[in-house]
PDB file of N, CA and C in Angstrom:
ATOM      1  N   UNK A   1     138.344  95.893 153.141  1.00  0.00           N
ATOM      2  CA  UNK A   1     138.685  96.643 154.339  1.00  0.00           C
ATOM      3  C   UNK A   1     138.138  98.072 154.269  1.00  0.00           C
ATOM      4  N   UNK A   2     138.237  98.673 153.079  1.00  0.00           N
ATOM      5  CA  UNK A   2     137.748 100.030 152.897  1.00  0.00           C
ATOM      6  C   UNK A   2     136.227 100.088 153.092  1.00  0.00           C
ATOM      7  N   UNK A   3     135.514  99.163 152.455  1.00  0.00           N
ATOM      8  CA  UNK A   3     134.056  99.129 152.577  1.00  0.00           C
ATOM      9  C   UNK A   3     133.635  98.859 154.015  1.00  0.00           C
ATOM     10  N   UNK A   4     134.374  98.008 154.704  1.00  0.00           N
ATOM     11  CA  UNK A   4     134.076  97.691 156.110  1.00  0.00           C
ATOM     12  C   UNK A   4     134.222  98.918 156.998  1.00  0.00           C
ATOM     13  N   UNK A   5     135.237  99.721 156.746  1.00  0.00           N
ATOM     14  CA  UNK A   5     135.427 100.920 157.566  1.00  0.00           C
ATOM     15  C   UNK A   5     134.311 101.941 157.328  1.00  0.00           C
ATOM     16  N   UNK A   6     133.831 102.038 156.097  1.00  0.00           N
ATOM     17  CA  UNK A   6     132.712 102.938 155.816  1.00  0.00           C
ATOM     18  C   UNK A   6     131.463 102.446 156.548  1.00  0.00           C
ATOM     19  N   UNK A   7     131.186 101.143 156.447  1.00  0.00           N
ATOM     20  CA  UNK A   7     130.000 100.577 157.091  1.00  0.00           C
ATOM     21  C   UNK A   7     130.073 100.733 158.611  1.00  0.00           C
ATOM     22  N   UNK A   8     131.226 100.462 159.190  1.00  0.00           N
ATOM     23  CA  UNK A   8     131.377 100.582 160.649  1.00  0.00           C
ATOM     24  C   UNK A   8     131.230 102.034 161.094  1.00  0.00           C
ATOM     25  N   UNK A   9     131.813 102.950 160.353  1.00  0.00           N
ATOM     26  CA  UNK A   9     131.699 104.370 160.716  1.00  0.00           C
ATOM     27  C   UNK A   9     130.271 104.866 160.652  1.00  0.00           C
ATOM     28  N   UNK A  10     129.554 104.510 159.596  1.00  0.00           N
ATOM     29  CA  UNK A  10     128.168 104.947 159.464  1.00  0.00           C
ATOM     30  C   UNK A  10     127.280 104.275 160.502  1.00  0.00           C
ATOM     31  N   UNK A  11     127.488 102.988 160.754  1.00  0.00           N
ATOM     32  CA  UNK A  11     126.692 102.291 161.773  1.00  0.00           C
ATOM     33  C   UNK A  11     126.904 102.920 163.145  1.00  0.00           C
ATOM     34  N   UNK A  12     128.127 103.288 163.457  1.00  0.00           N
ATOM     35  CA  UNK A  12     128.410 103.944 164.738  1.00  0.00           C
ATOM     36  C   UNK A  12     127.711 105.300 164.814  1.00  0.00           C
ATOM     37  N   UNK A  13     127.773 106.071 163.730  1.00  0.00           N
ATOM     38  CA  UNK A  13     127.097 107.372 163.699  1.00  0.00           C
ATOM     39  C   UNK A  13     125.582 107.216 163.848  1.00  0.00           C
ATOM     40  N   UNK A  14     125.016 106.184 163.237  1.00  0.00           N
ATOM     41  CA  UNK A  14     123.568 105.930 163.360  1.00  0.00           C
ATOM     42  C   UNK A  14     123.224 105.606 164.814  1.00  0.00           C
ATOM     43  N   UNK A  15     124.016 104.769 165.452  1.00  0.00           N
ATOM     44  CA  UNK A  15     123.750 104.411 166.853  1.00  0.00           C
ATOM     45  C   UNK A  15     123.857 105.631 167.771  1.00  0.00           C
ATOM     46  N   UNK A  16     124.828 106.499 167.525  1.00  0.00           N
ATOM     47  CA  UNK A  16     124.967 107.717 168.333  1.00  0.00           C
ATOM     48  C   UNK A  16     123.767 108.645 168.113  1.00  0.00           C
ATOM     49  N   UNK A  17     123.355 108.790 166.861  1.00  0.00           N
ATOM     50  CA  UNK A  17     122.226 109.660 166.526  1.00  0.00           C
ATOM     51  C   UNK A  17     120.923 109.082 167.050  1.00  0.00           C
ATOM     52  N   UNK A  18     120.799 107.777 167.000  1.00  0.00           N
ATOM     53  CA  UNK A  18     119.617 107.083 167.515  1.00  0.00           C
ATOM     54  C   UNK A  18     119.395 107.458 168.981  1.00  0.00           C
ATOM     55  N   UNK A  19     120.452 107.418 169.736  1.00  0.00           N
ATOM     56  CA  UNK A  19     120.367 107.758 171.162  1.00  0.00           C
ATOM     57  C   UNK A  19     119.975 109.222 171.354  1.00  0.00           C
ATOM     58  N   UNK A  20     120.605 110.107 170.585  1.00  0.00           N
ATOM     59  CA  UNK A  20     120.318 111.541 170.708  1.00  0.00           C
ATOM     60  C   UNK A  20     118.873 111.883 170.331  1.00  0.00           C
ATOM     61  N   UNK A  21     118.291 111.104 169.411  1.00  0.00           N
ATOM     62  CA  UNK A  21     116.913 111.358 168.962  1.00  0.00           C
ATOM     63  C   UNK A  21     115.884 110.554 169.753  1.00  0.00           C
ATOM     64  N   UNK A  22     116.335 109.795 170.745  1.00  0.00           N
ATOM     65  CA  UNK A  22     115.447 108.946 171.563  1.00  0.00           C
ATOM     66  C   UNK A  22     114.651 107.954 170.717  1.00  0.00           C
ATOM     67  N   UNK A  23     115.336 107.356 169.761  1.00  0.00           N
ATOM     68  CA  UNK A  23     114.754 106.311 168.924  1.00  0.00           C
ATOM     69  C   UNK A  23     115.431 105.002 169.306  1.00  0.00           C
ATOM     70  N   UNK A  24     114.661 103.936 169.389  1.00  0.00           N
ATOM     71  CA  UNK A  24     115.239 102.631 169.697  1.00  0.00           C
ATOM     72  C   UNK A  24     115.139 101.735 168.472  1.00  0.00           C
ATOM     73  N   UNK A  25     116.281 101.449 167.878  1.00  0.00           N
ATOM     74  CA  UNK A  25     116.302 100.571 166.714  1.00  0.00           C
ATOM     75  C   UNK A  25     116.382  99.115 167.157  1.00  0.00           C
ATOM     76  N   UNK A  26     115.634  98.266 166.463  1.00  0.00           N
ATOM     77  CA  UNK A  26     115.709  96.831 166.725  1.00  0.00           C
ATOM     78  C   UNK A  26     116.564  96.134 165.665  1.00  0.00           C
ATOM     79  N   UNK A  27     116.799  96.811 164.556  1.00  0.00           N
ATOM     80  CA  UNK A  27     117.579  96.235 163.472  1.00  0.00           C
ATOM     81  C   UNK A  27     118.350  97.335 162.763  1.00  0.00           C
ATOM     82  N   UNK A  28     119.619  97.084 162.505  1.00  0.00           N
ATOM     83  CA  UNK A  28     120.452  98.002 161.743  1.00  0.00           C
ATOM     84  C   UNK A  28     121.398  97.180 160.880  1.00  0.00           C
ATOM     85  N   UNK A  29     121.380  97.446 159.597  1.00  0.00           N
ATOM     86  CA  UNK A  29     122.274  96.768 158.668  1.00  0.00           C
ATOM     87  C   UNK A  29     122.789  97.813 157.689  1.00  0.00           C
ATOM     88  N   UNK A  30     124.106  97.982 157.632  1.00  0.00           N
ATOM     89  CA  UNK A  30     124.731  98.891 156.683  1.00  0.00           C
ATOM     90  C   UNK A  30     125.563  98.048 155.725  1.00  0.00           C
ATOM     91  N   UNK A  31     125.197  98.104 154.447  1.00  0.00           N
ATOM     92  CA  UNK A  31     125.887  97.327 153.417  1.00  0.00           C
ATOM     93  C   UNK A  31     126.579  98.301 152.467  1.00  0.00           C
ATOM     94  N   UNK A  32     127.880  98.087 152.267  1.00  0.00           N
ATOM     95  CA  UNK A  32     128.660  98.962 151.399  1.00  0.00           C
ATOM     96  C   UNK A  32     129.293  98.129 150.299  1.00  0.00           C
ATOM     97  N   UNK A  33     129.099  98.573 149.066  1.00  0.00           N
ATOM     98  CA  UNK A  33     129.733  97.920 147.917  1.00  0.00           C
ATOM     99  C   UNK A  33     130.604  98.962 147.215  1.00  0.00           C
ATOM    100  N   UNK A  34     131.853  98.587 146.999  1.00  0.00           N
ATOM    101  CA  UNK A  34     132.811  99.479 146.369  1.00  0.00           C
ATOM    102  C   UNK A  34     133.259  98.862 145.050  1.00  0.00           C
ATOM    103  N   UNK A  35     133.198  99.652 143.991  1.00  0.00           N
ATOM    104  CA  UNK A  35     133.665  99.199 142.680  1.00  0.00           C
ATOM    105  C   UNK A  35     135.030  99.836 142.432  1.00  0.00           C
ATOM    106  N   UNK A  36     136.009  98.998 142.175  1.00  0.00           N
ATOM    107  CA  UNK A  36     137.362  99.478 141.911  1.00  0.00           C
ATOM    108  C   UNK A  36     137.842  98.883 140.601  1.00  0.00           C
ATOM    109  N   UNK A  37     138.633  99.639 139.864  1.00  0.00           N
ATOM    110  CA  UNK A  37     139.196  99.150 138.609  1.00  0.00           C
ATOM    111  C   UNK A  37     140.438  98.321 138.947  1.00  0.00           C
ATOM    112  N   UNK A  38     140.263  97.015 139.014  1.00  0.00           N
ATOM    113  CA  UNK A  38     141.373  96.134 139.403  1.00  0.00           C
ATOM    114  C   UNK A  38     142.535  96.194 138.420  1.00  0.00           C
ATOM    115  N   UNK A  39     142.238  96.367 137.140  1.00  0.00           N
ATOM    116  CA  UNK A  39     143.315  96.397 136.147  1.00  0.00           C
ATOM    117  C   UNK A  39     144.251  97.579 136.407  1.00  0.00           C
ATOM    118  N   UNK A  40     143.702  98.680 136.879  1.00  0.00           N
ATOM    119  CA  UNK A  40     144.543  99.834 137.224  1.00  0.00           C
ATOM    120  C   UNK A  40     145.297  99.601 138.518  1.00  0.00           C
ATOM    121  N   UNK A  41     144.611  99.054 139.505  1.00  0.00           N
ATOM    122  CA  UNK A  41     145.238  98.801 140.812  1.00  0.00           C
ATOM    123  C   UNK A  41     146.372  97.785 140.703  1.00  0.00           C
ATOM    124  N   UNK A  42     146.224  96.827 139.792  1.00  0.00           N
ATOM    125  CA  UNK A  42     147.263  95.807 139.601  1.00  0.00           C
ATOM    126  C   UNK A  42     148.298  96.231 138.557  1.00  0.00           C
ATOM    127  N   UNK A  43     148.168  97.458 138.069  1.00  0.00           N
ATOM    128  CA  UNK A  43     149.073  98.030 137.064  1.00  0.00           C
ATOM    129  C   UNK A  43     149.161  97.170 135.814  1.00  0.00           C
ATOM    130  N   UNK A  44     148.034  96.621 135.421  1.00  0.00           N
ATOM    131  CA  UNK A  44     147.965  95.774 134.228  1.00  0.00           C
ATOM    132  C   UNK A  44     147.768  96.615 132.975  1.00  0.00           C
ATOM    133  N   UNK A  45     147.179  97.785 133.134  1.00  0.00           N
ATOM    134  CA  UNK A  45     146.888  98.658 132.008  1.00  0.00           C
ATOM    135  C   UNK A  45     147.197 100.091 132.411  1.00  0.00           C
ATOM    136  N   UNK A  46     148.197 100.722 131.789  1.00  0.00           N
ATOM    137  CA  UNK A  46     148.620 102.063 132.206  1.00  0.00           C
ATOM    138  C   UNK A  46     147.511 103.123 132.143  1.00  0.00           C
ATOM    139  N   UNK A  47     146.570 103.022 131.235  1.00  0.00           N
ATOM    140  CA  UNK A  47     145.527 104.030 131.077  1.00  0.00           C
ATOM    141  C   UNK A  47     144.382 103.923 132.065  1.00  0.00           C
ATOM    142  N   UNK A  48     144.314 102.824 132.791  1.00  0.00           N
ATOM    143  CA  UNK A  48     143.213 102.621 133.734  1.00  0.00           C
ATOM    144  C   UNK A  48     143.587 103.260 135.076  1.00  0.00           C
ATOM    145  N   UNK A  49     142.748 104.151 135.599  1.00  0.00           N
ATOM    146  CA  UNK A  49     143.080 104.831 136.852  1.00  0.00           C
ATOM    147  C   UNK A  49     143.079 103.884 138.051  1.00  0.00           C
ATOM    148  N   UNK A  50     143.913 104.225 139.023  1.00  0.00           N
ATOM    149  CA  UNK A  50     143.931 103.492 140.295  1.00  0.00           C
ATOM    150  C   UNK A  50     143.041 104.297 141.234  1.00  0.00           C
ATOM    151  N   UNK A  51     141.759 103.949 141.257  1.00  0.00           N
ATOM    152  CA  UNK A  51     140.801 104.697 142.069  1.00  0.00           C
ATOM    153  C   UNK A  51     139.518 103.884 142.217  1.00  0.00           C
ATOM    154  N   UNK A  52     138.739 104.249 143.227  1.00  0.00           N
ATOM    155  CA  UNK A  52     137.427 103.641 143.392  1.00  0.00           C
ATOM    156  C   UNK A  52     136.501 104.290 142.377  1.00  0.00           C
ATOM    157  N   UNK A  53     135.736 103.455 141.687  1.00  0.00           N
ATOM    158  CA  UNK A  53     134.832 103.953 140.648  1.00  0.00           C
ATOM    159  C   UNK A  53     133.494 104.405 141.231  1.00  0.00           C
ATOM    160  N   UNK A  54     133.000 103.670 142.228  1.00  0.00           N
ATOM    161  CA  UNK A  54     131.739 104.035 142.863  1.00  0.00           C
ATOM    162  C   UNK A  54     131.646 103.381 144.240  1.00  0.00           C
ATOM    163  N   UNK A  55     130.830 103.989 145.082  1.00  0.00           N
ATOM    164  CA  UNK A  55     130.560 103.457 146.421  1.00  0.00           C
ATOM    165  C   UNK A  55     129.043 103.491 146.611  1.00  0.00           C
ATOM    166  N   UNK A  56     128.441 102.325 146.811  1.00  0.00           N
ATOM    167  CA  UNK A  56     126.991 102.219 147.037  1.00  0.00           C
ATOM    168  C   UNK A  56     126.750 101.781 148.468  1.00  0.00           C
ATOM    169  N   UNK A  57     125.885 102.521 149.162  1.00  0.00           N
ATOM    170  CA  UNK A  57     125.596 102.225 150.573  1.00  0.00           C
ATOM    171  C   UNK A  57     124.102 102.013 150.742  1.00  0.00           C
ATOM    172  N   UNK A  58     123.737 100.885 151.330  1.00  0.00           N
ATOM    173  CA  UNK A  58     122.341 100.591 151.668  1.00  0.00           C
ATOM    174  C   UNK A  58     122.230 100.543 153.181  1.00  0.00           C
ATOM    175  N   UNK A  59     121.270 101.272 153.731  1.00  0.00           N
ATOM    176  CA  UNK A  59     121.030 101.281 155.174  1.00  0.00           C
ATOM    177  C   UNK A  59     119.624 100.754 155.421  1.00  0.00           C
ATOM    178  N   UNK A  60     119.525  99.684 156.202  1.00  0.00           N
ATOM    179  CA  UNK A  60     118.231  99.113 156.570  1.00  0.00           C
ATOM    180  C   UNK A  60     118.054  99.236 158.073  1.00  0.00           C
ATOM    181  N   UNK A  61     116.937  99.815 158.491  1.00  0.00           N
ATOM    182  CA  UNK A  61     116.661  99.984 159.917  1.00  0.00           C
ATOM    183  C   UNK A  61     115.220  99.608 160.239  1.00  0.00           C
ATOM    184  N   UNK A  62     115.021  99.158 161.465  1.00  0.00           N
ATOM    185  CA  UNK A  62     113.683  98.935 162.019  1.00  0.00           C
ATOM    186  C   UNK A  62     113.693  99.495 163.424  1.00  0.00           C
ATOM    187  N   UNK A  63     112.583 100.107 163.803  1.00  0.00           N
ATOM    188  CA  UNK A  63     112.486 100.708 165.133  1.00  0.00           C
ATOM    189  C   UNK A  63     111.576  99.887 166.031  1.00  0.00           C
ATOM    190  N   UNK A  64     111.850  99.973 167.335  1.00  0.00           N
ATOM    191  CA  UNK A  64     111.086  99.203 168.322  1.00  0.00           C
ATOM    192  C   UNK A  64     109.677  99.755 168.489  1.00  0.00           C
ATOM    193  N   UNK A  65     109.524 101.045 168.406  1.00  0.00           N
ATOM    194  CA  UNK A  65     108.210 101.667 168.619  1.00  0.00           C
ATOM    195  C   UNK A  65     107.624 102.092 167.276  1.00  0.00           C
ATOM    196  N   UNK A  66     106.527 102.778 167.343  1.00  0.00           N
ATOM    197  CA  UNK A  66     105.868 103.244 166.119  1.00  0.00           C
ATOM    198  C   UNK A  66     106.555 104.504 165.597  1.00  0.00           C
ATOM    199  N   UNK A  67     107.812 104.393 165.313  1.00  0.00           N
ATOM    200  CA  UNK A  67     108.572 105.512 164.772  1.00  0.00           C
ATOM    201  C   UNK A  67     108.179 105.731 163.318  1.00  0.00           C
ATOM    202  N   UNK A  68     107.866 106.969 162.993  1.00  0.00           N
ATOM    203  CA  UNK A  68     107.449 107.298 161.637  1.00  0.00           C
ATOM    204  C   UNK A  68     108.618 107.163 160.666  1.00  0.00           C
ATOM    205  N   UNK A  69     108.307 106.826 159.429  1.00  0.00           N
ATOM    206  CA  UNK A  69     109.328 106.663 158.395  1.00  0.00           C
ATOM    207  C   UNK A  69     110.172 107.935 158.241  1.00  0.00           C
ATOM    208  N   UNK A  70     109.526 109.104 158.312  1.00  0.00           N
ATOM    209  CA  UNK A  70     110.283 110.349 158.150  1.00  0.00           C
ATOM    210  C   UNK A  70     111.282 110.556 159.290  1.00  0.00           C
ATOM    211  N   UNK A  71     110.974 110.056 160.489  1.00  0.00           N
ATOM    212  CA  UNK A  71     111.925 110.130 161.604  1.00  0.00           C
ATOM    213  C   UNK A  71     113.129 109.227 161.354  1.00  0.00           C
ATOM    214  N   UNK A  72     112.887 108.057 160.781  1.00  0.00           N
ATOM    215  CA  UNK A  72     113.991 107.153 160.458  1.00  0.00           C
ATOM    216  C   UNK A  72     114.872 107.740 159.356  1.00  0.00           C
ATOM    217  N   UNK A  73     114.244 108.378 158.371  1.00  0.00           N
ATOM    218  CA  UNK A  73     115.003 109.026 157.308  1.00  0.00           C
ATOM    219  C   UNK A  73     115.828 110.189 157.851  1.00  0.00           C
ATOM    220  N   UNK A  74     115.250 110.945 158.786  1.00  0.00           N
ATOM    221  CA  UNK A  74     115.978 112.035 159.431  1.00  0.00           C
ATOM    222  C   UNK A  74     117.153 111.497 160.244  1.00  0.00           C
ATOM    223  N   UNK A  75     116.933 110.403 160.933  1.00  0.00           N
ATOM    224  CA  UNK A  75     117.994 109.750 161.699  1.00  0.00           C
ATOM    225  C   UNK A  75     119.177 109.414 160.789  1.00  0.00           C
ATOM    226  N   UNK A  76     118.906 108.825 159.655  1.00  0.00           N
ATOM    227  CA  UNK A  76     119.977 108.433 158.736  1.00  0.00           C
ATOM    228  C   UNK A  76     120.676 109.664 158.145  1.00  0.00           C
ATOM    229  N   UNK A  77     119.913 110.691 157.772  1.00  0.00           N
ATOM    230  CA  UNK A  77     120.519 111.911 157.234  1.00  0.00           C
ATOM    231  C   UNK A  77     121.431 112.580 158.266  1.00  0.00           C
ATOM    232  N   UNK A  78     120.967 112.630 159.525  1.00  0.00           N
ATOM    233  CA  UNK A  78     121.793 113.228 160.584  1.00  0.00           C
ATOM    234  C   UNK A  78     123.052 112.408 160.812  1.00  0.00           C
ATOM    235  N   UNK A  79     122.921 111.096 160.767  1.00  0.00           N
ATOM    236  CA  UNK A  79     124.078 110.215 160.946  1.00  0.00           C
ATOM    237  C   UNK A  79     125.072 110.396 159.798  1.00  0.00           C
ATOM    238  N   UNK A  80     124.572 110.520 158.584  1.00  0.00           N
ATOM    239  CA  UNK A  80     125.450 110.764 157.438  1.00  0.00           C
ATOM    240  C   UNK A  80     126.244 112.046 157.645  1.00  0.00           C
ATOM    241  N   UNK A  81     125.570 113.060 158.184  1.00  0.00           N
ATOM    242  CA  UNK A  81     126.206 114.352 158.405  1.00  0.00           C
ATOM    243  C   UNK A  81     127.335 114.272 159.445  1.00  0.00           C
ATOM    244  N   UNK A  82     127.155 113.457 160.478  1.00  0.00           N
ATOM    245  CA  UNK A  82     128.169 113.410 161.535  1.00  0.00           C
ATOM    246  C   UNK A  82     129.152 112.246 161.375  1.00  0.00           C
ATOM    247  N   UNK A  83     129.059 111.501 160.278  1.00  0.00           N
ATOM    248  CA  UNK A  83     129.998 110.403 160.020  1.00  0.00           C
ATOM    249  C   UNK A  83     131.251 110.976 159.364  1.00  0.00           C
ATOM    250  N   UNK A  84     132.347 110.982 160.116  1.00  0.00           N
ATOM    251  CA  UNK A  84     133.592 111.572 159.617  1.00  0.00           C
ATOM    252  C   UNK A  84     134.094 110.902 158.344  1.00  0.00           C
ATOM    253  N   UNK A  85     133.912 109.601 158.238  1.00  0.00           N
ATOM    254  CA  UNK A  85     134.385 108.879 157.056  1.00  0.00           C
ATOM    255  C   UNK A  85     133.606 109.335 155.813  1.00  0.00           C
ATOM    256  N   UNK A  86     132.279 109.398 155.902  1.00  0.00           N
ATOM    257  CA  UNK A  86     131.488 109.836 154.747  1.00  0.00           C
ATOM    258  C   UNK A  86     131.777 111.281 154.386  1.00  0.00           C
ATOM    259  N   UNK A  87     131.885 112.137 155.385  1.00  0.00           N
ATOM    260  CA  UNK A  87     132.160 113.544 155.113  1.00  0.00           C
ATOM    261  C   UNK A  87     133.522 113.727 154.461  1.00  0.00           C
ATOM    262  N   UNK A  88     134.504 112.924 154.861  1.00  0.00           N
ATOM    263  CA  UNK A  88     135.833 112.990 154.255  1.00  0.00           C
ATOM    264  C   UNK A  88     135.777 112.533 152.802  1.00  0.00           C
ATOM    265  N   UNK A  89     135.010 111.503 152.511  1.00  0.00           N
ATOM    266  CA  UNK A  89     134.870 111.030 151.135  1.00  0.00           C
ATOM    267  C   UNK A  89     134.171 112.070 150.262  1.00  0.00           C
ATOM    268  N   UNK A  90     133.180 112.748 150.814  1.00  0.00           N
ATOM    269  CA  UNK A  90     132.415 113.738 150.059  1.00  0.00           C
ATOM    270  C   UNK A  90     133.193 115.026 149.841  1.00  0.00           C
ATOM    271  N   UNK A  91     134.078 115.345 150.762  1.00  0.00           N
ATOM    272  CA  UNK A  91     134.882 116.562 150.673  1.00  0.00           C
ATOM    273  C   UNK A  91     136.305 116.231 151.122  1.00  0.00           C
ATOM    274  N   UNK A  92     137.084 115.609 150.241  1.00  0.00           N
ATOM    275  CA  UNK A  92     138.391 115.106 150.652  1.00  0.00           C
ATOM    276  C   UNK A  92     139.374 116.208 151.029  1.00  0.00           C
ATOM    277  N   UNK A  93     140.173 115.952 152.057  1.00  0.00           N
ATOM    278  CA  UNK A  93     141.199 116.909 152.454  1.00  0.00           C
ATOM    279  C   UNK A  93     142.431 116.759 151.570  1.00  0.00           C
ATOM    280  N   UNK A  94     143.333 117.707 151.675  1.00  0.00           N
ATOM    281  CA  UNK A  94     144.613 117.579 150.994  1.00  0.00           C
ATOM    282  C   UNK A  94     145.405 116.489 151.714  1.00  0.00           C
ATOM    283  N   UNK A  95     146.048 115.642 150.960  1.00  0.00           N
ATOM    284  CA  UNK A  95     146.868 114.572 151.512  1.00  0.00           C
ATOM    285  C   UNK A  95     148.330 114.908 151.253  1.00  0.00           C
ATOM    286  N   UNK A  96     149.130 114.908 152.301  1.00  0.00           N
ATOM    287  CA  UNK A  96     150.551 115.191 152.181  1.00  0.00           C
ATOM    288  C   UNK A  96     151.313 113.936 152.603  1.00  0.00           C
ATOM    289  N   UNK A  97     152.173 113.454 151.720  1.00  0.00           N
ATOM    290  CA  UNK A  97     152.977 112.284 152.014  1.00  0.00           C
ATOM    291  C   UNK A  97     154.434 112.720 152.082  1.00  0.00           C
ATOM    292  N   UNK A  98     155.077 112.393 153.172  1.00  0.00           N
ATOM    293  CA  UNK A  98     156.486 112.751 153.357  1.00  0.00           C
ATOM    294  C   UNK A  98     157.326 111.499 153.180  1.00  0.00           C
ATOM    295  N   UNK A  99     158.322 111.605 152.323  1.00  0.00           N
ATOM    296  CA  UNK A  99     159.231 110.473 152.105  1.00  0.00           C
ATOM    297  C   UNK A  99     160.496 110.726 152.893  1.00  0.00           C
ATOM    298  N   UNK A 100     160.830 109.773 153.733  1.00  0.00           N
ATOM    299  CA  UNK A 100     162.025 109.892 154.554  1.00  0.00           C
ATOM    300  C   UNK A 100     163.033 108.853 154.091  1.00  0.00           C
ATOM    301  N   UNK A 101     164.216 109.334 153.785  1.00  0.00           N
ATOM    302  CA  UNK A 101     165.291 108.433 153.366  1.00  0.00           C
ATOM    303  C   UNK A 101     166.274 108.309 154.515  1.00  0.00           C
ATOM    304  N   UNK A 102     166.703 107.090 154.786  1.00  0.00           N
ATOM    305  CA  UNK A 102     167.694 106.895 155.854  1.00  0.00           C
ATOM    306  C   UNK A 102     169.014 106.416 155.290  1.00  0.00           C
TER     307      UNK A 102
END
């Protein structure tokens, strides 16, 4: 679910940026692989952290016209910049959890 939300967020940002740059993509595939320490998440080993170890993202695009490779790379960089999910992962905010007892 986590990897899917990253892929969907980046794909949406790419489509928005594509329109703003007047580029027409014929193919877009965003693949996200997340490595997590399952032993920590399942509380099988106290010393193993409960956290994602790495996130790998592959973006494959093809354009309808003779769009230069550097334009496609710029498109992806701009999309990365405006993707709220990626920006949050790169610079995480403070998280406040409130416990309410009834």
